[in-house]
């Protein structure tokens, strides 16, 4: 379970300017008719020294996008290509977002502030560059839930309603508008590398490899830099795919332009949490073939990283890159076993035993109507807390888990709740309905608080391990 952020001074560091000649284009933010603050992340703002901003200053920086001191003088809309549902598209790029600022946290980690819904850019094509308020609200809920479940994710830093009426084909219109600011470890995507390889700019591609090694993976430029970058990305994306599965999460659109080179999950559109362990569960209504369904997410992410390797072939021979690609399946299986063991809240016993227990968890959940969140809530610490697991499908799991010790005492009040904290689509729609119909944000704020409370409970027991 990742630790909570620690306070830090404001430390601007716009190192992206090293790449400004090829990575993006300076743009202007849209001028919105209103800026109504709906969410500010008071847990993460201290980590980058912005917690002392007044609400008026917050609106100025994250609603009107006045530059932060010592930071980017003008936002950058990044250039990239990408495979979208396995079809290559060279007409991409930040069409309704941009990189606004870069800062350091107290661990000297580089963090980006990027936007969604901040207006048109050279890559908007026929889009309006806007974000619906419902889409922004959904992203806050997704990132809060994933963070509390231990997934490496971007953080929803700010949500501001902007006072425009938007027309959309896939939801009732007109609908309210917003601008979202994300805090993430990196704004560079696999598609950024694909673009440079496609246009044949190997000098810029090599510079981007070095940038990614230094700022996202703590490595150094030099010999075999492309292969080393690929190894880092393979290892971290395997863990990301595994964490999705343990969380019961379906991203929905795992295109190569939606995979960050830092391997941090981001860009939440048609996401859903699957209530049951249903391999074919999809999040996007337009994913008619199930390409990005629950059980195929690891395969999809691996395929995207293969496209990174194809781009890196401009700098390195295939034989230097293939070993990393071949390692993905094994790394993913190991990471999945560990992610399931971690969510169960028991002390790992070793690869073979943990693999057997993890397999029994999946076998117990697969194909029945048991809620994933309910199972892990009832069995947290390896001890049954509800007398509902007498069916034969649980026999092997019950036998195996009996030899495991809990990571620590479960003293948080959350473990005495009647129900686990979940985030299924019906509840998301109910929260939005209260906002849409009555401008009642209470259920939204209550849900964020409940999600964070669950995360506290997970961290409490994790700190003993």
Protein backbone atom coordinates (compact mmCIF):
# COMPACT_ATOMS: atom_id res chain seq x y z
CA UNK A 1 0.00 0.00 0.00
CA UNK A 2 1.61 3.32 -1.06
CA UNK A 3 2.26 5.74 1.79
CA UNK A 4 0.28 8.92 2.17
CA UNK A 5 1.91 12.05 0.73
CA UNK A 6 4.18 14.06 3.00
CA UNK A 7 4.31 17.87 3.16
CA UNK A 8 6.84 19.70 1.02
CA UNK A 9 7.72 23.22 0.04
CA UNK A 10 6.66 24.49 -3.36
CA UNK A 11 9.54 23.48 -5.65
CA UNK A 12 8.89 24.29 -9.31
CA UNK A 13 11.01 22.38 -11.81
CA UNK A 14 9.77 22.67 -15.41
CA UNK A 15 12.29 20.23 -16.86
CA UNK A 16 9.97 19.45 -19.78
CA UNK A 17 11.44 22.60 -21.34
CA UNK A 18 14.48 20.44 -22.18
CA UNK A 19 12.24 18.80 -24.78
CA UNK A 20 10.16 21.83 -25.75
CA UNK A 21 11.44 21.89 -29.33
CA UNK A 22 9.63 18.64 -30.16
CA UNK A 23 7.38 17.45 -27.32
CA UNK A 24 4.48 19.88 -27.61
CA UNK A 25 3.05 23.23 -28.57
CA UNK A 26 2.42 26.31 -26.39
CA UNK A 27 -1.32 26.92 -26.06
CA UNK A 28 -3.77 29.22 -24.34
CA UNK A 29 -6.38 27.99 -21.90
CA UNK A 30 -10.04 28.56 -22.66
CA UNK A 31 -11.77 31.49 -21.03
CA UNK A 32 -14.67 30.09 -19.05
CA UNK A 33 -17.80 32.03 -18.12
CA UNK A 34 -17.59 30.77 -14.53
CA UNK A 35 -15.15 29.08 -12.15
CA UNK A 36 -16.93 27.28 -9.33
CA UNK A 37 -14.68 25.16 -7.12
CA UNK A 38 -16.13 21.68 -6.65
CA UNK A 39 -13.12 19.70 -5.42
CA UNK A 40 -9.62 20.54 -4.27
CA UNK A 41 -7.34 17.76 -3.17
CA UNK A 42 -6.31 18.87 0.29
CA UNK A 43 -4.50 15.58 0.85
CA UNK A 44 -2.11 16.01 -2.08
CA UNK A 45 -1.75 19.78 -2.28
CA UNK A 46 0.61 19.84 0.75
CA UNK A 47 2.89 17.35 -1.06
CA UNK A 48 3.75 20.01 -3.63
CA UNK A 49 3.51 23.07 -1.41
CA UNK A 50 0.20 24.39 -2.73
CA UNK A 51 -1.99 23.80 0.31
CA UNK A 52 -1.71 27.43 1.42
CA UNK A 53 -3.42 28.76 -1.70
CA UNK A 54 -6.66 30.57 -0.96
CA UNK A 55 -9.71 29.43 -2.90
CA UNK A 56 -9.43 32.58 -5.04
CA UNK A 57 -5.80 31.79 -5.86
CA UNK A 58 -6.74 28.17 -6.55
CA UNK A 59 -9.37 29.30 -9.06
CA UNK A 60 -6.88 31.68 -10.67
CA UNK A 61 -4.30 28.93 -11.23
CA UNK A 62 -6.53 25.92 -11.94
CA UNK A 63 -9.59 27.59 -13.48
CA UNK A 64 -8.03 30.51 -15.37
CA UNK A 65 -4.55 28.92 -15.57
CA UNK A 66 -2.47 31.85 -14.49
CA UNK A 67 1.11 30.45 -14.38
CA UNK A 68 2.46 29.20 -11.09
CA UNK A 69 5.59 31.09 -9.92
CA UNK A 70 8.77 29.87 -11.56
CA UNK A 71 6.94 27.30 -13.62
CA UNK A 72 5.95 26.88 -17.26
CA UNK A 73 5.28 30.35 -18.71
CA UNK A 74 2.66 28.84 -21.00
CA UNK A 75 0.93 25.45 -21.04
CA UNK A 76 2.15 22.78 -23.47
CA UNK A 77 -0.22 20.57 -25.47
CA UNK A 78 1.80 17.43 -26.02
CA UNK A 79 2.22 15.72 -29.39
CA UNK A 80 1.74 11.98 -29.75
CA UNK A 81 0.38 9.22 -31.94
CA UNK A 82 -1.07 5.92 -30.79
CA UNK A 83 -2.89 2.70 -31.46
CA UNK A 84 -6.60 3.02 -30.69
CA UNK A 85 -8.27 -0.37 -30.51
CA UNK A 86 -5.22 -1.73 -32.40
CA UNK A 87 -5.52 0.79 -35.28
CA UNK A 88 -2.69 3.29 -35.65
CA UNK A 89 -3.76 6.94 -35.48
CA UNK A 90 -1.25 9.70 -36.26
CA UNK A 91 -3.84 12.45 -35.66
CA UNK A 92 -3.73 12.54 -31.87
CA UNK A 93 -2.13 14.80 -29.28
CA UNK A 94 -3.56 16.71 -26.32
CA UNK A 95 -6.90 17.76 -27.80
CA UNK A 96 -8.56 19.02 -24.62
CA UNK A 97 -5.72 19.16 -22.15
CA UNK A 98 -2.18 20.36 -21.60
CA UNK A 99 0.78 20.17 -19.26
CA UNK A 100 0.42 23.14 -16.92
CA UNK A 101 3.26 22.81 -14.40
CA UNK A 102 5.99 20.57 -13.01
CA UNK A 103 7.06 20.35 -9.37
CA UNK A 104 9.07 18.24 -6.93
CA UNK A 105 7.74 16.53 -3.82
CA UNK A 106 9.64 15.94 -0.59
CA UNK A 107 11.19 12.76 -2.03
CA UNK A 108 12.51 14.78 -5.00
CA UNK A 109 10.08 13.02 -7.33
CA UNK A 110 9.05 14.97 -10.41
CA UNK A 111 5.28 15.53 -10.61
CA UNK A 112 3.18 17.02 -13.38
CA UNK A 113 -0.01 19.05 -13.24
CA UNK A 114 -1.98 18.33 -16.40
CA UNK A 115 -5.50 19.21 -17.44
CA UNK A 116 -8.61 17.75 -19.02
CA UNK A 117 -11.25 20.07 -20.47
CA UNK A 118 -9.06 23.18 -20.62
CA UNK A 119 -9.95 24.17 -24.18
CA UNK A 120 -9.05 23.57 -27.79
CA UNK A 121 -5.50 22.94 -28.98
CA UNK A 122 -3.92 22.23 -32.37
CA UNK A 123 -4.91 18.58 -31.77
CA UNK A 124 -8.60 19.09 -31.00
CA UNK A 125 -9.67 18.24 -34.56
CA UNK A 126 -13.45 18.68 -34.41
CA UNK A 127 -13.73 18.53 -30.62
CA UNK A 128 -14.70 21.42 -28.39
CA UNK A 129 -11.83 20.84 -25.93
CA UNK A 130 -14.24 20.65 -23.01
CA UNK A 131 -15.05 18.13 -20.28
CA UNK A 132 -18.46 17.36 -18.84
CA UNK A 133 -18.91 17.91 -15.14
CA UNK A 134 -20.11 14.32 -14.87
CA UNK A 135 -16.89 13.11 -16.50
CA UNK A 136 -14.81 15.14 -14.06
CA UNK A 137 -16.80 13.88 -11.07
CA UNK A 138 -16.35 10.28 -12.28
CA UNK A 139 -12.59 10.74 -12.58
CA UNK A 140 -12.34 12.03 -9.01
CA UNK A 141 -14.20 8.95 -7.76
CA UNK A 142 -12.09 6.58 -9.86
CA UNK A 143 -8.75 7.97 -8.73
CA UNK A 144 -9.75 8.18 -5.08
CA UNK A 145 -10.95 4.56 -5.11
CA UNK A 146 -7.89 3.24 -6.94
CA UNK A 147 -5.51 5.12 -4.66
CA UNK A 148 -7.22 3.63 -1.60
CA UNK A 149 -6.91 0.14 -3.13
CA UNK A 150 -3.17 0.56 -3.71
CA UNK A 151 -3.15 1.16 -7.47
CA UNK A 152 -0.49 3.54 -8.80
CA UNK A 153 -2.74 6.20 -10.28
CA UNK A 154 -2.84 9.85 -11.19
CA UNK A 155 -4.56 11.96 -8.55
CA UNK A 156 -7.53 14.22 -9.24
CA UNK A 157 -6.11 17.49 -7.94
CA UNK A 158 -8.84 20.00 -8.78
CA UNK A 159 -12.33 20.03 -10.28
CA UNK A 160 -13.88 23.35 -11.24
CA UNK A 161 -17.28 23.82 -12.85
CA UNK A 162 -17.01 26.23 -15.77
CA UNK A 163 -20.54 27.38 -16.56
CA UNK A 164 -20.93 26.14 -20.13
CA UNK A 165 -23.61 23.86 -21.59
CA UNK A 166 -22.13 20.98 -23.60
CA UNK A 167 -23.73 18.75 -26.19
CA UNK A 168 -22.69 15.09 -26.13
CA UNK A 169 -23.93 12.13 -28.12
CA UNK A 170 -23.55 9.57 -25.33
CA UNK A 171 -25.35 11.31 -22.46
CA UNK A 172 -28.33 13.65 -21.97
CA UNK A 173 -27.53 17.10 -23.34
CA UNK A 174 -27.00 19.90 -22.80
CA UNK A 175 -24.92 19.01 -19.77
CA UNK A 176 -22.73 20.95 -17.37
CA UNK A 177 -19.02 21.55 -18.00
CA UNK A 178 -15.86 21.41 -15.92
CA UNK A 179 -12.09 21.53 -16.05
CA UNK A 180 -10.06 18.89 -14.22
CA UNK A 181 -6.45 19.11 -13.09
CA UNK A 182 -4.53 15.88 -12.54
CA UNK A 183 -1.41 15.38 -10.47
CA UNK A 184 0.70 12.60 -11.91
CA UNK A 185 4.24 11.31 -12.02
CA UNK A 186 4.48 11.78 -15.76
CA UNK A 187 2.63 13.20 -18.74
CA UNK A 188 4.58 11.29 -21.41
CA UNK A 189 2.85 8.34 -23.13
CA UNK A 190 3.92 5.38 -25.22
CA UNK A 191 2.33 7.28 -28.10
CA UNK A 192 4.90 10.06 -27.65
CA UNK A 193 7.64 7.56 -28.59
CA UNK A 194 5.56 6.15 -31.43
CA UNK A 195 5.21 9.58 -32.99
CA UNK A 196 8.95 10.26 -33.02
CA UNK A 197 9.70 6.82 -34.46
CA UNK A 198 7.05 7.25 -37.16
CA UNK A 199 8.37 10.63 -38.32
CA UNK A 200 11.96 9.34 -38.15
CA UNK A 201 13.29 11.81 -35.57
CA UNK A 202 15.76 9.46 -33.89
CA UNK A 203 17.71 12.28 -32.25
CA UNK A 204 14.57 13.47 -30.39
CA UNK A 205 13.60 9.87 -29.64
CA UNK A 206 16.97 9.28 -27.94
CA UNK A 207 16.54 12.46 -25.91
CA UNK A 208 13.06 11.33 -24.83
CA UNK A 209 14.45 7.94 -23.75
CA UNK A 210 17.05 9.67 -21.58
CA UNK A 211 14.43 12.02 -20.11
CA UNK A 212 12.18 9.09 -19.18
CA UNK A 213 15.02 7.11 -17.66
CA UNK A 214 16.15 9.97 -15.44
CA UNK A 215 12.85 11.49 -14.36
CA UNK A 216 10.48 8.49 -14.21
CA UNK A 217 12.68 5.52 -13.43
CA UNK A 218 15.67 6.91 -11.51
CA UNK A 219 18.11 5.52 -14.06
CA UNK A 220 20.87 7.20 -16.06
CA UNK A 221 21.45 7.75 -19.77
CA UNK A 222 24.18 5.77 -21.47
CA UNK A 223 24.74 2.33 -22.88
CA UNK A 224 21.67 0.26 -23.72
CA UNK A 225 19.36 3.08 -22.62
CA UNK A 226 16.41 1.93 -24.80
CA UNK A 227 16.60 -1.63 -23.45
CA UNK A 228 16.86 -0.44 -19.87
CA UNK A 229 13.87 1.85 -20.33
CA UNK A 230 11.85 -1.03 -21.76
CA UNK A 231 12.76 -3.26 -18.79
CA UNK A 232 11.55 -0.58 -16.37
CA UNK A 233 8.29 -0.08 -18.24
CA UNK A 234 7.65 -3.82 -18.55
CA UNK A 235 8.13 -4.42 -14.82
CA UNK A 236 5.95 -1.50 -13.77
CA UNK A 237 3.15 -2.07 -16.28
CA UNK A 238 2.98 -5.72 -15.24
CA UNK A 239 2.40 -4.54 -11.67
CA UNK A 240 -0.17 -2.03 -12.87
CA UNK A 241 -2.14 -4.70 -14.75
CA UNK A 242 -2.06 -6.95 -11.69
CA UNK A 243 -3.28 -4.16 -9.43
CA UNK A 244 -6.25 -3.55 -11.73
CA UNK A 245 -7.26 -7.19 -11.35
CA UNK A 246 -6.93 -7.25 -7.56
CA UNK A 247 -9.01 -4.05 -7.38
CA UNK A 248 -11.68 -5.46 -9.71
CA UNK A 249 -11.12 -2.46 -11.98
CA UNK A 250 -11.69 -2.12 -15.73
CA UNK A 251 -10.03 0.92 -17.30
CA UNK A 252 -12.01 0.67 -20.50
CA UNK A 253 -9.65 2.25 -23.06
CA UNK A 254 -6.13 0.83 -22.84
CA UNK A 255 -4.88 2.37 -26.08
CA UNK A 256 -1.16 3.04 -26.41
CA UNK A 257 -1.77 6.78 -26.07
CA UNK A 258 -3.35 6.04 -22.66
CA UNK A 259 -0.33 4.20 -21.25
CA UNK A 260 2.07 6.52 -19.43
CA UNK A 261 5.79 5.80 -19.74
CA UNK A 262 5.91 6.06 -15.93
CA UNK A 263 3.41 3.12 -15.84
CA UNK A 264 1.03 5.17 -13.71
CA UNK A 265 -2.66 4.67 -14.45
CA UNK A 266 -4.43 7.74 -15.80
CA UNK A 267 -7.10 9.13 -18.15
CA UNK A 268 -10.40 7.70 -16.93
CA UNK A 269 -13.29 7.71 -19.37
CA UNK A 270 -15.66 4.70 -19.40
CA UNK A 271 -14.13 3.01 -16.34
CA UNK A 272 -16.02 0.61 -14.09
CA UNK A 273 -15.40 -1.68 -11.16
CA UNK A 274 -16.78 -5.12 -11.92
CA UNK A 275 -19.01 -6.31 -9.06
CA UNK A 276 -18.13 -9.97 -9.69
CA UNK A 277 -15.06 -11.77 -11.02
CA UNK A 278 -16.45 -11.75 -14.55
CA UNK A 279 -13.61 -12.17 -17.10
CA UNK A 280 -15.59 -10.70 -20.00
CA UNK A 281 -16.85 -7.63 -18.14
CA UNK A 282 -16.31 -4.47 -20.22
CA UNK A 283 -16.46 -0.82 -19.22
CA UNK A 284 -16.97 0.86 -22.60
CA UNK A 285 -20.19 0.42 -24.55
CA UNK A 286 -18.16 0.77 -27.76
CA UNK A 287 -15.80 -2.12 -26.85
CA UNK A 288 -18.01 -4.58 -28.66
CA UNK A 289 -15.34 -7.27 -29.06
CA UNK A 290 -14.21 -7.12 -25.42
CA UNK A 291 -10.67 -6.11 -26.40
CA UNK A 292 -10.21 -4.30 -23.09
CA UNK A 293 -12.44 -6.45 -20.90
CA UNK A 294 -11.51 -7.29 -17.30
CA UNK A 295 -9.52 -10.46 -17.98
CA UNK A 296 -7.72 -9.13 -21.08
CA UNK A 297 -6.23 -6.00 -19.51
CA UNK A 298 -2.80 -7.51 -18.96
CA UNK A 299 -2.74 -8.71 -22.56
CA UNK A 300 -3.78 -5.25 -23.74
CA UNK A 301 -1.10 -3.47 -21.72
CA UNK A 302 1.55 -5.96 -22.87
CA UNK A 303 0.50 -5.32 -26.49
CA UNK A 304 0.89 -1.58 -25.95
CA UNK A 305 4.37 -2.02 -24.49
CA UNK A 306 5.28 -4.12 -27.53
CA UNK A 307 4.46 -0.98 -29.56
CA UNK A 308 6.93 0.93 -27.40
CA UNK A 309 9.54 -1.70 -28.27
CA UNK A 310 8.72 -1.28 -31.96
CA UNK A 311 9.39 2.44 -31.61
CA UNK A 312 12.64 1.80 -29.74
CA UNK A 313 13.83 -0.40 -32.62
CA UNK A 314 14.84 2.90 -34.21
CA UNK A 315 17.57 3.08 -31.54
CA UNK A 316 18.33 -0.51 -30.54
CA UNK A 317 18.47 -3.96 -32.14
CA UNK A 318 15.57 -6.36 -31.59
CA UNK A 319 17.74 -8.83 -29.66
CA UNK A 320 18.35 -6.14 -27.00
CA UNK A 321 14.62 -5.55 -26.52
CA UNK A 322 13.06 -9.00 -26.81
CA UNK A 323 14.15 -10.29 -23.35
CA UNK A 324 12.17 -7.54 -21.63
CA UNK A 325 9.06 -8.30 -23.66
CA UNK A 326 9.34 -12.01 -22.95
CA UNK A 327 9.54 -11.31 -19.22
CA UNK A 328 6.12 -9.66 -19.03
CA UNK A 329 3.90 -12.77 -18.56
CA UNK A 330 5.98 -14.10 -15.66
CA UNK A 331 6.26 -10.70 -14.03
CA UNK A 332 2.52 -10.21 -14.34
CA UNK A 333 1.67 -13.58 -12.78
CA UNK A 334 3.98 -12.91 -9.84
CA UNK A 335 2.60 -9.40 -9.43
CA UNK A 336 -0.99 -10.67 -9.57
CA UNK A 337 -0.31 -13.22 -6.84
CA UNK A 338 1.24 -10.54 -4.66
CA UNK A 339 -1.57 -8.03 -5.33
CA UNK A 340 -4.23 -10.56 -4.31
CA UNK A 341 -2.24 -11.57 -1.20
CA UNK A 342 -1.83 -7.89 -0.28
CA UNK A 343 -5.53 -7.16 -0.65
CA UNK A 344 -6.29 -10.21 1.48
CA UNK A 345 -4.10 -8.70 4.19
CA UNK A 346 -1.94 -11.73 4.98
CA UNK A 347 1.82 -12.19 5.25
CA UNK A 348 3.32 -13.69 2.06
CA UNK A 349 4.85 -17.15 2.55
CA UNK A 350 6.80 -17.65 -0.66
CA UNK A 351 6.23 -17.74 -4.38
CA UNK A 352 4.87 -21.28 -4.68
CA UNK A 353 2.52 -21.09 -1.71
CA UNK A 354 1.37 -17.58 -2.60
CA UNK A 355 0.67 -18.64 -6.18
CA UNK A 356 -1.48 -21.51 -4.93
CA UNK A 357 -3.44 -19.27 -2.56
CA UNK A 358 -3.90 -16.59 -5.23
CA UNK A 359 -5.15 -19.17 -7.70
CA UNK A 360 -7.64 -20.44 -5.13
CA UNK A 361 -8.92 -16.88 -4.64
CA UNK A 362 -9.61 -16.51 -8.36
CA UNK A 363 -11.15 -19.98 -8.54
CA UNK A 364 -13.44 -19.11 -5.63
CA UNK A 365 -14.59 -15.86 -7.21
CA UNK A 366 -14.76 -16.81 -10.87
CA UNK A 367 -18.17 -17.74 -12.18
CA UNK A 368 -20.30 -17.03 -9.11
CA UNK A 369 -22.27 -14.02 -7.93
CA UNK A 370 -20.11 -13.23 -4.92
CA UNK A 371 -19.09 -9.56 -4.79
CA UNK A 372 -15.33 -9.09 -5.04
CA UNK A 373 -15.29 -6.32 -2.44
CA UNK A 374 -17.40 -8.43 -0.08
CA UNK A 375 -15.01 -11.38 -0.33
CA UNK A 376 -11.88 -9.39 0.50
CA UNK A 377 -13.71 -7.51 3.26
CA UNK A 378 -14.94 -10.72 4.87
CA UNK A 379 -11.55 -12.48 4.63
CA UNK A 380 -9.24 -9.56 5.40
CA UNK A 381 -6.41 -10.88 7.54
CA UNK A 382 -7.16 -14.45 6.42
CA UNK A 383 -9.96 -15.09 8.89
CA UNK A 384 -13.61 -15.52 7.96
CA UNK A 385 -15.87 -12.77 9.30
CA UNK A 386 -19.17 -13.94 7.76
CA UNK A 387 -20.66 -17.43 7.79
CA UNK A 388 -21.44 -17.49 4.07
CA UNK A 389 -18.56 -19.50 2.65
CA UNK A 390 -19.65 -23.10 3.15
CA UNK A 391 -20.04 -23.93 -0.54
CA UNK A 392 -17.54 -26.47 -1.95
CA UNK A 393 -16.07 -23.82 -4.28
CA UNK A 394 -14.40 -22.23 -1.22
CA UNK A 395 -12.98 -25.47 0.26
CA UNK A 396 -9.52 -25.19 -1.27
CA UNK A 397 -9.20 -21.51 -0.40
CA UNK A 398 -10.33 -22.09 3.21
CA UNK A 399 -7.74 -24.85 3.63
CA UNK A 400 -4.88 -22.82 2.16
CA UNK A 401 -5.60 -19.52 3.90
CA UNK A 402 -5.73 -21.19 7.31
CA UNK A 403 -1.91 -21.39 7.36
CA UNK A 404 -1.45 -17.67 6.67
CA UNK A 405 -0.97 -15.04 9.35
CA UNK A 406 -2.61 -11.61 9.21
CA UNK A 407 -0.33 -8.71 8.40
CA UNK A 408 -1.40 -7.01 11.61
CA UNK A 409 -4.33 -6.30 13.93
CA UNK A 410 -7.44 -4.85 12.32
CA UNK A 411 -8.18 -2.04 14.77
CA UNK A 412 -9.71 0.49 12.36
CA UNK A 413 -13.46 0.94 12.78
CA UNK A 414 -13.95 0.26 9.07
CA UNK A 415 -13.54 -3.46 9.68
CA UNK A 416 -16.62 -3.41 11.89
CA UNK A 417 -18.84 -1.91 9.19
CA UNK A 418 -21.74 -3.97 7.90
CA UNK A 419 -20.74 -3.48 4.28
CA UNK A 420 -17.47 -2.86 2.43
CA UNK A 421 -16.86 0.37 0.57
CA UNK A 422 -17.48 -0.26 -3.13
CA UNK A 423 -17.77 1.87 -6.26
CA UNK A 424 -20.18 0.31 -8.74
CA UNK A 425 -21.89 2.06 -11.59
CA UNK A 426 -25.32 2.36 -9.96
CA UNK A 427 -23.86 4.35 -7.09
CA UNK A 428 -21.87 6.57 -9.44
CA UNK A 429 -25.05 7.34 -11.37
CA UNK A 430 -26.94 8.03 -8.15
CA UNK A 431 -24.27 10.49 -6.98
CA UNK A 432 -24.39 12.26 -10.33
CA UNK A 433 -28.19 12.38 -10.28
CA UNK A 434 -28.18 14.32 -7.00
CA UNK A 435 -25.73 16.83 -8.50
CA UNK A 436 -27.60 17.08 -11.78
CA UNK A 437 -31.11 17.36 -10.37
CA UNK A 438 -30.61 19.23 -7.12
CA UNK A 439 -27.01 20.51 -7.24
CA UNK A 440 -26.53 18.44 -4.11
CA UNK A 441 -22.85 17.58 -3.71
CA UNK A 442 -23.23 15.98 -0.28
CA UNK A 443 -23.31 12.35 -1.56
CA UNK A 444 -20.17 13.04 -3.62
CA UNK A 445 -18.19 14.48 -0.71
CA UNK A 446 -19.49 11.76 1.61
CA UNK A 447 -18.31 9.11 -0.84
CA UNK A 448 -14.84 10.60 -1.14
CA UNK A 449 -14.62 10.60 2.67
CA UNK A 450 -15.80 6.96 2.82
CA UNK A 451 -13.24 5.89 0.21
CA UNK A 452 -10.43 7.61 2.10
CA UNK A 453 -11.58 5.98 5.33
CA UNK A 454 -11.30 2.58 3.66
CA UNK A 455 -7.81 3.49 2.47
CA UNK A 456 -6.85 4.41 6.03
CA UNK A 457 -7.98 0.97 7.19
CA UNK A 458 -5.90 -0.74 4.52
CA UNK A 459 -2.86 1.35 5.38
CA UNK A 460 -3.23 0.71 9.09
CA UNK A 461 -2.93 -3.02 8.70
CA UNK A 462 -0.33 -2.65 5.97
CA UNK A 463 1.95 -0.63 8.25
CA UNK A 464 2.39 -3.66 10.48
CA UNK A 465 3.70 -5.82 7.63
